[in-house]
N, C-alpha and C. Protein backbone atom coordinates (compact mmCIF):
# COMPACT_ATOMS: atom_id res chain seq x y z
N UNK A 1 41.73 26.26 11.43
CA UNK A 1 40.71 26.01 12.12
C UNK A 1 39.76 25.00 11.37
N UNK A 2 39.21 23.91 12.06
CA UNK A 2 38.34 22.84 11.34
C UNK A 2 36.85 23.31 10.68
N UNK A 3 36.88 22.71 9.56
CA UNK A 3 35.68 22.98 8.78
C UNK A 3 34.39 22.52 9.76
N UNK A 4 33.27 23.12 9.55
CA UNK A 4 32.37 22.81 10.09
C UNK A 4 31.58 21.61 9.30
N UNK A 5 30.74 20.98 9.74
CA UNK A 5 30.32 19.73 9.27
C UNK A 5 28.70 19.85 8.92
N UNK A 6 28.34 19.41 7.74
CA UNK A 6 27.04 19.75 7.02
C UNK A 6 26.46 18.35 6.71
N UNK A 7 25.25 17.81 7.29
CA UNK A 7 24.64 16.45 6.40
C UNK A 7 23.49 17.09 5.69
N UNK A 8 23.51 17.04 4.33
CA UNK A 8 22.46 17.20 3.52
C UNK A 8 21.49 16.01 3.19
N UNK A 9 20.41 15.98 3.49
CA UNK A 9 19.18 14.98 3.21
C UNK A 9 18.31 15.51 2.35
N UNK A 10 18.69 14.70 1.37
CA UNK A 10 17.79 15.24 -0.22
C UNK A 10 17.70 13.94 -0.85
N UNK A 11 16.67 13.41 -1.20
CA UNK A 11 15.97 12.13 -2.14
C UNK A 11 16.34 12.30 -3.42
N UNK A 12 16.54 13.75 -4.04
CA UNK A 12 16.67 14.11 -5.33
C UNK A 12 18.20 14.24 -5.57
N UNK A 13 18.56 13.53 -6.14
CA UNK A 13 20.47 13.21 -6.16
C UNK A 13 21.20 14.59 -6.95
N UNK A 14 20.41 14.92 -8.05
CA UNK A 14 20.67 16.42 -8.69
C UNK A 14 20.84 17.40 -7.75
N UNK A 15 19.49 17.72 -6.90
CA UNK A 15 19.43 18.59 -6.06
C UNK A 15 20.69 18.53 -4.97
N UNK A 16 20.72 17.38 -4.70
CA UNK A 16 21.61 17.10 -3.14
C UNK A 16 23.14 17.37 -3.62
N UNK A 17 23.68 17.02 -4.73
CA UNK A 17 25.03 17.46 -5.57
C UNK A 17 24.89 18.73 -5.73
N UNK A 18 23.90 19.24 -5.98
CA UNK A 18 23.82 20.91 -6.37
C UNK A 18 24.21 21.69 -4.96
N UNK A 19 23.36 21.10 -3.75
CA UNK A 19 23.61 22.13 -2.52
C UNK A 19 24.91 21.66 -1.88
N UNK A 20 25.14 19.97 -2.01
CA UNK A 20 26.61 19.89 -1.67
C UNK A 20 27.92 20.97 -2.35
N UNK A 21 27.79 21.08 -3.59
CA UNK A 21 28.50 22.08 -4.29
C UNK A 21 28.46 23.48 -4.02
N UNK A 22 27.46 24.04 -3.45
CA UNK A 22 27.30 25.36 -2.89
C UNK A 22 27.73 25.18 -1.57
N UNK A 23 28.01 24.22 -0.64
CA UNK A 23 28.33 24.54 0.50
C UNK A 23 29.76 23.75 0.76
N UNK A 24 30.07 23.10 -0.19
CA UNK A 24 31.79 22.15 0.08
C UNK A 24 32.77 23.10 0.18
N UNK A 25 32.86 24.42 -0.27
CA UNK A 25 33.92 25.27 -0.18
C UNK A 25 34.09 25.85 0.90
N UNK A 26 33.15 26.18 1.91
CA UNK A 26 33.10 26.52 3.58
C UNK A 26 32.84 25.05 4.56
N UNK A 27 32.30 24.09 4.12
CA UNK A 27 32.05 23.23 5.07
C UNK A 27 32.38 21.69 4.88
N UNK A 28 32.64 20.89 5.18
CA UNK A 28 32.67 19.50 5.11
C UNK A 28 31.49 18.83 5.05
N UNK A 29 31.15 18.22 3.65
CA UNK A 29 29.60 17.92 3.35
C UNK A 29 29.26 16.24 3.41
N UNK A 30 28.34 15.98 3.69
CA UNK A 30 27.89 14.60 3.89
C UNK A 30 26.95 14.58 3.11
N UNK A 31 26.19 13.61 2.40
CA UNK A 31 24.85 13.32 1.77
C UNK A 31 24.19 12.17 2.36
N UNK A 32 22.74 12.14 2.21
CA UNK A 32 22.18 10.92 2.62
C UNK A 32 20.85 11.37 2.13
N UNK A 33 20.28 10.00 1.19
CA UNK A 33 18.99 10.39 0.45
C UNK A 33 18.09 9.68 0.87
N UNK A 34 17.67 9.41 1.80
CA UNK A 34 16.56 8.57 2.79
C UNK A 34 16.50 9.05 4.09
N UNK A 35 15.29 8.92 5.06
CA UNK A 35 15.34 9.23 6.30
C UNK A 35 15.96 8.31 7.06
N UNK A 36 16.05 7.13 6.68
CA UNK A 36 16.78 5.99 7.44
C UNK A 36 18.52 6.43 7.54
N UNK A 37 19.06 6.32 6.16
CA UNK A 37 20.19 6.42 6.05
C UNK A 37 20.67 7.94 6.68
N UNK A 38 19.74 8.80 6.75
CA UNK A 38 19.93 9.92 7.36
C UNK A 38 20.37 10.13 8.84
N UNK A 39 19.51 9.28 9.52
CA UNK A 39 19.34 8.96 11.02
C UNK A 39 20.78 8.27 11.06
N UNK A 40 21.07 7.47 10.71
CA UNK A 40 22.58 6.58 10.55
C UNK A 40 23.92 7.89 10.30
N UNK A 41 23.82 8.31 9.39
CA UNK A 41 24.91 9.27 8.82
C UNK A 41 24.82 10.41 9.79
N UNK A 42 23.63 10.69 10.59
CA UNK A 42 23.57 12.14 11.28
C UNK A 42 24.48 11.38 12.91
N UNK A 43 23.96 10.16 13.31
CA UNK A 43 24.60 9.70 14.57
C UNK A 43 25.78 9.64 14.18
N UNK A 44 26.59 9.13 13.10
CA UNK A 44 27.74 8.62 12.87
C UNK A 44 28.63 10.06 12.71
N UNK A 45 28.32 11.00 12.39
CA UNK A 45 28.97 12.26 11.84
C UNK A 45 29.10 13.32 13.02
N UNK A 46 27.71 13.30 13.67
CA UNK A 46 27.26 14.46 14.69
C UNK A 46 27.67 15.96 14.06
N UNK A 47 26.85 16.02 13.24
CA UNK A 47 27.18 17.28 12.33
C UNK A 47 26.58 18.69 12.97
N UNK A 48 27.30 19.70 12.78
CA UNK A 48 26.75 20.96 13.37
C UNK A 48 25.84 21.46 12.63
N UNK A 49 25.18 21.06 11.11
CA UNK A 49 24.18 21.46 10.62
C UNK A 49 23.72 20.52 9.86
N UNK A 50 22.25 20.30 9.63
CA UNK A 50 21.58 19.37 8.85
C UNK A 50 20.68 20.43 7.99
N UNK A 51 21.03 19.99 6.59
CA UNK A 51 19.97 20.54 6.00
C UNK A 51 18.91 19.33 5.35
N UNK A 52 17.85 19.46 5.82
CA UNK A 52 16.80 18.15 5.60
C UNK A 52 15.56 18.56 4.78
N UNK A 53 15.36 18.09 3.86
CA UNK A 53 14.08 17.68 2.98
C UNK A 53 12.89 17.66 3.95
N UNK A 54 12.11 18.09 3.61
CA UNK A 54 10.55 17.63 4.19
C UNK A 54 10.29 16.34 3.66
N UNK A 55 10.42 16.06 2.55
CA UNK A 55 9.41 14.71 1.86
C UNK A 55 10.83 14.01 1.46
N UNK A 56 10.87 12.97 2.43
CA UNK A 56 11.59 11.57 1.89
C UNK A 56 10.89 10.51 2.03
N UNK A 57 11.83 9.64 1.36
CA UNK A 57 11.09 8.28 1.78
C UNK A 57 11.86 7.69 2.98
N UNK A 58 11.07 6.42 3.38
CA UNK A 58 11.13 5.74 4.69
C UNK A 58 10.76 6.57 5.82
N UNK A 59 11.48 7.78 6.16
CA UNK A 59 11.37 8.40 7.24
C UNK A 59 11.08 9.85 6.73
N UNK A 60 10.25 10.85 7.01
CA UNK A 60 10.05 12.17 6.55
C UNK A 60 10.99 12.82 7.30
N UNK A 61 11.06 14.44 6.85
CA UNK A 61 11.89 15.22 7.52
C UNK A 61 11.53 15.90 8.89
N UNK A 62 10.25 15.52 9.28
CA UNK A 62 9.62 15.66 10.54
C UNK A 62 10.28 14.50 11.56
N UNK A 63 10.09 13.28 11.13
CA UNK A 63 10.39 12.51 11.82
C UNK A 63 11.84 12.49 12.27
N UNK A 64 12.66 12.71 11.13
CA UNK A 64 14.19 12.76 11.30
C UNK A 64 14.64 13.91 12.19
N UNK A 65 14.13 15.00 11.92
CA UNK A 65 14.16 16.27 13.10
C UNK A 65 13.99 15.63 14.47
N UNK A 66 12.71 15.01 14.48
CA UNK A 66 12.33 14.63 16.17
C UNK A 66 13.69 13.86 16.51
N UNK A 67 14.18 13.02 15.70
CA UNK A 67 15.24 11.87 15.91
C UNK A 67 16.05 12.92 16.66
N UNK A 68 16.68 13.74 15.75
CA UNK A 68 17.76 14.81 16.13
C UNK A 68 17.42 15.19 17.41
N UNK A 69 16.38 15.97 17.69
CA UNK A 69 16.07 16.35 18.69
C UNK A 69 15.59 15.76 20.14
N UNK A 70 15.59 14.48 19.91
CA UNK A 70 15.58 13.71 20.98
C UNK A 70 17.01 12.85 21.69
N UNK A 71 17.99 13.35 20.49
CA UNK A 71 19.33 12.67 20.96
C UNK A 71 20.07 13.81 21.66
N UNK A 72 20.59 13.52 22.82
CA UNK A 72 21.24 14.39 23.67
C UNK A 72 22.90 14.50 23.16
N UNK A 73 23.41 13.90 22.00
CA UNK A 73 24.50 13.67 21.56
C UNK A 73 24.36 14.73 20.29
N UNK A 74 23.22 15.21 19.92
CA UNK A 74 23.12 16.08 18.73
C UNK A 74 22.74 17.47 19.45
N UNK A 75 22.79 17.86 20.47
CA UNK A 75 21.92 18.99 21.12
C UNK A 75 22.60 20.13 20.35
N UNK A 76 23.74 19.87 20.13
CA UNK A 76 24.47 21.45 19.43
C UNK A 76 23.59 21.51 17.79
N UNK A 77 23.54 20.18 17.42
CA UNK A 77 22.96 20.26 15.58
C UNK A 77 21.98 21.15 15.48
N UNK A 78 22.27 21.87 14.61
CA UNK A 78 20.89 23.05 14.02
C UNK A 78 20.64 22.38 12.53
N UNK A 79 19.30 22.55 12.60
CA UNK A 79 18.19 22.14 11.21
C UNK A 79 17.48 23.01 10.62
N UNK A 80 17.87 22.81 9.24
CA UNK A 80 17.53 23.99 8.32
C UNK A 80 16.56 22.88 7.51
N UNK A 81 15.05 23.34 7.67
CA UNK A 81 14.42 22.43 6.74
C UNK A 81 14.18 22.69 5.36
N UNK A 82 13.99 21.91 4.57
CA UNK A 82 14.06 22.54 2.86
C UNK A 82 12.97 21.85 2.33
N UNK A 83 12.03 22.50 2.03
CA UNK A 83 10.42 22.02 1.27
C UNK A 83 9.99 22.81 0.16
N UNK A 84 9.50 21.88 -0.73
CA UNK A 84 8.46 22.46 -2.00
C UNK A 84 7.37 23.02 -1.24
N UNK A 85 6.99 22.26 -0.29
CA UNK A 85 5.86 22.91 0.19
C UNK A 85 6.11 24.10 0.82
N UNK A 86 5.14 25.52 0.41
CA UNK A 86 5.35 26.67 0.62
C UNK A 86 4.05 27.21 1.57
N UNK A 87 3.52 26.38 2.35
CA UNK A 87 2.65 26.86 3.31
C UNK A 87 3.12 27.45 4.69
N UNK A 88 2.47 28.30 5.23
CA UNK A 88 2.88 29.02 6.69
C UNK A 88 2.55 27.46 7.54
N UNK A 89 1.56 26.40 7.22
CA UNK A 89 1.25 25.53 8.34
C UNK A 89 2.55 24.83 8.38
N UNK A 90 3.28 24.32 7.26
CA UNK A 90 4.65 23.57 7.26
C UNK A 90 5.69 24.06 7.69
N UNK A 91 5.77 25.54 7.72
CA UNK A 91 7.14 26.23 8.09
C UNK A 91 6.56 26.14 9.64
N UNK A 92 5.52 26.38 10.32
CA UNK A 92 5.23 26.05 11.54
C UNK A 92 5.54 24.99 12.32
N UNK A 93 5.14 23.87 11.51
CA UNK A 93 5.40 22.35 11.96
C UNK A 93 6.81 22.19 11.91
N UNK A 94 7.64 22.83 10.99
CA UNK A 94 8.95 22.45 11.18
C UNK A 94 9.42 23.07 12.53
N UNK A 95 9.22 24.15 12.55
CA UNK A 95 9.54 25.36 13.55
C UNK A 95 9.27 24.70 15.18
N UNK A 96 7.76 24.26 15.13
CA UNK A 96 7.42 23.27 16.26
C UNK A 96 8.28 22.49 16.76
N UNK A 97 8.77 21.38 15.60
CA UNK A 97 9.20 20.47 16.40
C UNK A 97 11.03 20.54 16.66
N UNK A 98 11.63 21.75 16.30
CA UNK A 98 12.92 22.03 16.62
C UNK A 98 13.60 22.53 15.54
N UNK A 99 13.15 22.65 14.06
CA UNK A 99 13.97 23.47 13.28
C UNK A 99 14.43 24.68 13.60
N UNK A 100 15.52 24.96 12.77
CA UNK A 100 16.38 26.08 13.37
C UNK A 100 16.04 27.18 12.14
N UNK A 101 15.72 26.98 11.32
CA UNK A 101 15.06 27.72 9.78
C UNK A 101 14.85 26.88 8.91
N UNK A 102 14.12 27.43 7.92
CA UNK A 102 13.32 27.21 6.80
C UNK A 102 13.78 27.58 5.99
N UNK A 103 13.80 26.60 4.34
CA UNK A 103 14.04 27.37 3.22
C UNK A 103 13.32 26.80 2.08
N UNK A 104 12.64 27.53 1.16
CA UNK A 104 11.57 26.94 0.23
C UNK A 104 12.53 26.53 -1.17
N UNK A 105 12.36 25.46 -1.58
CA UNK A 105 12.60 25.22 -3.00
C UNK A 105 11.60 25.89 -4.12
N UNK A 106 12.23 26.35 -5.33
CA UNK A 106 13.53 26.29 -5.50
C UNK A 106 14.09 27.80 -4.56
N UNK A 107 15.33 27.24 -4.52
CA UNK A 107 16.13 28.91 -3.74
C UNK A 107 17.23 28.87 -4.59
N UNK A 108 17.80 30.14 -4.23
CA UNK A 108 19.21 30.72 -5.03
C UNK A 108 20.25 29.87 -4.35
N UNK A 109 21.46 29.51 -4.64
CA UNK A 109 22.61 29.09 -4.16
C UNK A 109 23.16 29.97 -3.02
N UNK A 110 22.97 31.43 -3.02
CA UNK A 110 23.24 32.12 -2.28
C UNK A 110 22.48 32.18 -0.86
N UNK A 111 21.31 31.79 -1.24
CA UNK A 111 20.38 31.89 -0.06
C UNK A 111 20.52 30.52 0.75
N UNK A 112 20.91 29.63 0.05
CA UNK A 112 21.46 28.45 0.88
C UNK A 112 22.60 28.62 1.82
N UNK A 113 23.59 29.33 1.11
CA UNK A 113 24.79 29.65 1.91
C UNK A 113 24.53 30.50 3.07
N UNK A 114 23.82 31.62 2.81
CA UNK A 114 23.70 32.61 3.70
C UNK A 114 22.76 32.08 5.18
N UNK A 115 21.62 31.65 4.76
CA UNK A 115 20.93 30.79 5.69
C UNK A 115 21.94 29.84 6.60
N UNK A 116 22.83 28.92 5.91
CA UNK A 116 23.55 28.07 6.38
C UNK A 116 24.72 28.66 7.57
N UNK A 117 25.16 29.58 6.81
CA UNK A 117 26.19 30.60 7.88
C UNK A 117 25.48 31.35 8.91
N UNK A 118 24.24 31.81 8.57
CA UNK A 118 23.30 32.63 9.85
C UNK A 118 23.02 31.55 10.86
N UNK A 119 22.52 30.50 10.54
CA UNK A 119 22.13 29.34 11.79
C UNK A 119 23.23 29.07 12.29
N UNK A 120 24.38 28.79 11.48
CA UNK A 120 25.52 28.26 12.38
C UNK A 120 26.28 29.30 13.30
N UNK A 121 26.08 30.71 12.88
CA UNK A 121 26.60 31.46 14.00
C UNK A 121 25.76 32.31 14.85
N UNK A 122 24.41 31.55 15.00
CA UNK A 122 23.48 31.90 15.94
C UNK A 122 23.95 31.81 17.70
């Protein structure tokens, strides 16, 4: 069976690498470090899941999520927003624009894996 594909969008490279290490045993993982390269990578790969940081250079996570949701070719793609902002308002905004779930930094590795599995199995 082919592995599902995940694109991690995270501007802090050590965090992106850590997230990749957590997920790559189960998924094919691609990285992007800013909003513009994220959109290019997501359009090229058409992933099953995007782990999307909210605070990004060039385009923020909200803009990237809107681009994903407005693209018919990406209608199957799930989005998990990741942010250090832990207010309910941020969570609601992410969910309002189409994020499938939300995870707060800092998080445990097992939490990232659990949420990724949960969202992909919905």
